[in-house]
Amino acid sequence: MRAKLHFLAWALGLLALAHPALVPPVLDVLSVAFAMAVTAVVGVIGWALANISFTLTIAAGLLLARAFPGIPRWLGRAWVASVAAVAPTEA
């Protein structure tokens, strides 16, 4: 992987030497893309921290579902049975 990055850096350097007029626009595009990625990551982290109880509840549910694989199926059947008990269908 490191060798590929090394070749990529050399190729980009040679392209920058061959086409110096393209370097500022390319750097502008890369900086905007990087800023957008950072903004998205910070936004997701901020949302998760603002809604910490919801985030922790989802995380606990995922951990329980992973630890006990039969639980989601059991919960689904229990949900269907409880809805059927409350609102029976008429034939």
C-alpha atoms as a PDB file:
ATOM      1  CA  MET A   1       0.000   0.000   0.000  1.00  0.00           C
ATOM      2  CA  ARG A   2       2.792   2.381   0.881  1.00  0.00           C
ATOM      3  CA  ALA A   3       4.491   1.735  -2.461  1.00  0.00           C
ATOM      4  CA  LYS A   4       1.286   2.618  -4.317  1.00  0.00           C
ATOM      5  CA  LEU A   5       0.989   5.869  -2.380  1.00  0.00           C
ATOM      6  CA  HIS A   6       4.619   6.617  -3.183  1.00  0.00           C
ATOM      7  CA  PHE A   7       3.983   6.126  -6.913  1.00  0.00           C
ATOM      8  CA  LEU A   8       0.811   8.222  -6.664  1.00  0.00           C
ATOM      9  CA  ALA A   9       2.732  11.060  -5.026  1.00  0.00           C
ATOM     10  CA  TRP A  10       5.389  10.937  -7.748  1.00  0.00           C
ATOM     11  CA  ALA A  11       2.757  10.875 -10.500  1.00  0.00           C
ATOM     12  CA  LEU A  12       0.932  13.846  -9.002  1.00  0.00           C
ATOM     13  CA  GLY A  13       4.211  15.727  -8.633  1.00  0.00           C
ATOM     14  CA  LEU A  14       5.099  15.115 -12.263  1.00  0.00           C
ATOM     15  CA  LEU A  15       1.620  16.202 -13.368  1.00  0.00           C
ATOM     16  CA  ALA A  16       1.983  19.379 -11.306  1.00  0.00           C
ATOM     17  CA  LEU A  17       5.294  20.111 -13.013  1.00  0.00           C
ATOM     18  CA  ALA A  18       3.835  19.395 -16.452  1.00  0.00           C
ATOM     19  CA  HIS A  19       0.668  21.473 -15.919  1.00  0.00           C
ATOM     20  CA  PRO A  20       1.371  24.207 -13.344  1.00  0.00           C
ATOM     21  CA  ALA A  21      -1.748  26.182 -14.294  1.00  0.00           C
ATOM     22  CA  LEU A  22      -3.983  23.335 -13.101  1.00  0.00           C
ATOM     23  CA  VAL A  23      -2.500  23.119  -9.611  1.00  0.00           C
ATOM     24  CA  PRO A  24      -4.480  25.966  -7.930  1.00  0.00           C
ATOM     25  CA  PRO A  25      -7.919  24.807  -9.187  1.00  0.00           C
ATOM     26  CA  VAL A  26      -7.168  21.208  -8.225  1.00  0.00           C
ATOM     27  CA  LEU A  27      -6.065  22.258  -4.745  1.00  0.00           C
ATOM     28  CA  ASP A  28      -9.222  24.360  -4.400  1.00  0.00           C
ATOM     29  CA  VAL A  29     -11.411  21.387  -5.300  1.00  0.00           C
ATOM     30  CA  LEU A  30      -9.527  19.089  -2.927  1.00  0.00           C
ATOM     31  CA  SER A  31      -9.741  21.582  -0.074  1.00  0.00           C
ATOM     32  CA  VAL A  32     -13.498  22.006  -0.587  1.00  0.00           C
ATOM     33  CA  ALA A  33     -13.994  18.232  -0.670  1.00  0.00           C
ATOM     34  CA  PHE A  34     -11.920  17.828   2.484  1.00  0.00           C
ATOM     35  CA  ALA A  35     -13.859  20.600   4.236  1.00  0.00           C
ATOM     36  CA  MET A  36     -17.159  18.975   3.273  1.00  0.00           C
ATOM     37  CA  ALA A  37     -16.017  15.594   4.606  1.00  0.00           C
ATOM     38  CA  VAL A  38     -14.861  17.139   7.887  1.00  0.00           C
ATOM     39  CA  THR A  39     -18.144  19.029   8.201  1.00  0.00           C
ATOM     40  CA  ALA A  40     -20.128  15.830   7.666  1.00  0.00           C
ATOM     41  CA  VAL A  41     -18.113  13.931  10.272  1.00  0.00           C
ATOM     42  CA  VAL A  42     -18.437  16.745  12.807  1.00  0.00           C
ATOM     43  CA  GLY A  43     -22.161  16.963  12.104  1.00  0.00           C
ATOM     44  CA  VAL A  44     -22.698  13.247  12.725  1.00  0.00           C
ATOM     45  CA  ILE A  45     -20.642  13.358  15.911  1.00  0.00           C
ATOM     46  CA  GLY A  46     -22.538  16.440  17.087  1.00  0.00           C
ATOM     47  CA  TRP A  47     -25.895  14.808  16.399  1.00  0.00           C
ATOM     48  CA  ALA A  48     -24.854  11.641  18.247  1.00  0.00           C
ATOM     49  CA  LEU A  49     -23.714  13.664  21.261  1.00  0.00           C
ATOM     50  CA  ALA A  50     -26.871  15.799  21.253  1.00  0.00           C
ATOM     51  CA  ASN A  51     -29.021  12.660  21.172  1.00  0.00           C
ATOM     52  CA  ILE A  52     -26.862  10.541  23.444  1.00  0.00           C
ATOM     53  CA  SER A  53     -29.689   8.526  25.036  1.00  0.00           C
ATOM     54  CA  PHE A  54     -31.061   7.555  21.618  1.00  0.00           C
ATOM     55  CA  THR A  55     -27.563   6.710  20.386  1.00  0.00           C
ATOM     56  CA  LEU A  56     -26.826   4.559  23.424  1.00  0.00           C
ATOM     57  CA  THR A  57     -30.191   2.797  23.132  1.00  0.00           C
ATOM     58  CA  ILE A  58     -29.494   1.921  19.495  1.00  0.00           C
ATOM     59  CA  ALA A  59     -25.983   0.738  20.399  1.00  0.00           C
ATOM     60  CA  ALA A  60     -27.329  -1.429  23.238  1.00  0.00           C
ATOM     61  CA  GLY A  61     -29.935  -2.927  20.920  1.00  0.00           C
ATOM     62  CA  LEU A  62     -27.314  -3.762  18.304  1.00  0.00           C
ATOM     63  CA  LEU A  63     -25.063  -5.365  20.915  1.00  0.00           C
ATOM     64  CA  LEU A  64     -27.926  -7.433  22.313  1.00  0.00           C
ATOM     65  CA  ALA A  65     -29.006  -8.511  18.836  1.00  0.00           C
ATOM     66  CA  ARG A  66     -25.455  -9.602  18.124  1.00  0.00           C
ATOM     67  CA  ALA A  67     -25.031 -11.422  21.450  1.00  0.00           C
ATOM     68  CA  PHE A  68     -28.408 -13.188  21.211  1.00  0.00           C
ATOM     69  CA  PRO A  69     -29.211 -13.854  17.539  1.00  0.00           C
ATOM     70  CA  GLY A  70     -32.699 -15.285  18.266  1.00  0.00           C
ATOM     71  CA  ILE A  71     -33.947 -12.174  20.077  1.00  0.00           C
ATOM     72  CA  PRO A  72     -34.995 -10.128  16.982  1.00  0.00           C
ATOM     73  CA  ARG A  73     -37.095 -13.037  15.696  1.00  0.00           C
ATOM     74  CA  TRP A  74     -38.655 -13.492  19.142  1.00  0.00           C
ATOM     75  CA  LEU A  75     -39.389  -9.769  19.415  1.00  0.00           C
ATOM     76  CA  GLY A  76     -40.966  -9.798  15.955  1.00  0.00           C
ATOM     77  CA  ARG A  77     -43.254 -12.682  16.890  1.00  0.00           C
ATOM     78  CA  ALA A  78     -44.135 -11.006  20.199  1.00  0.00           C
ATOM     79  CA  TRP A  79     -44.938  -7.767  18.360  1.00  0.00           C
ATOM     80  CA  VAL A  80     -47.223  -9.571  15.890  1.00  0.00           C
ATOM     81  CA  ALA A  81     -48.947 -11.447  18.716  1.00  0.00           C
ATOM     82  CA  SER A  82     -49.494  -8.278  20.753  1.00  0.00           C
ATOM     83  CA  VAL A  83     -50.932  -6.412  17.777  1.00  0.00           C
ATOM     84  CA  ALA A  84     -53.189  -9.375  16.986  1.00  0.00           C
ATOM     85  CA  ALA A  85     -54.403  -9.460  20.591  1.00  0.00           C
ATOM     86  CA  VAL A  86     -55.217  -5.746  20.650  1.00  0.00           C
ATOM     87  CA  ALA A  87     -56.702  -5.433  17.173  1.00  0.00           C
ATOM     88  CA  PRO A  88     -58.073  -8.768  15.989  1.00  0.00           C
ATOM     89  CA  THR A  89     -58.894  -9.054  12.314  1.00  0.00           C
ATOM     90  CA  GLU A  90     -62.481  -9.605  11.236  1.00  0.00           C
ATOM     91  CA  ALA A  91     -63.175 -12.229   8.613  1.00  0.00           C
END
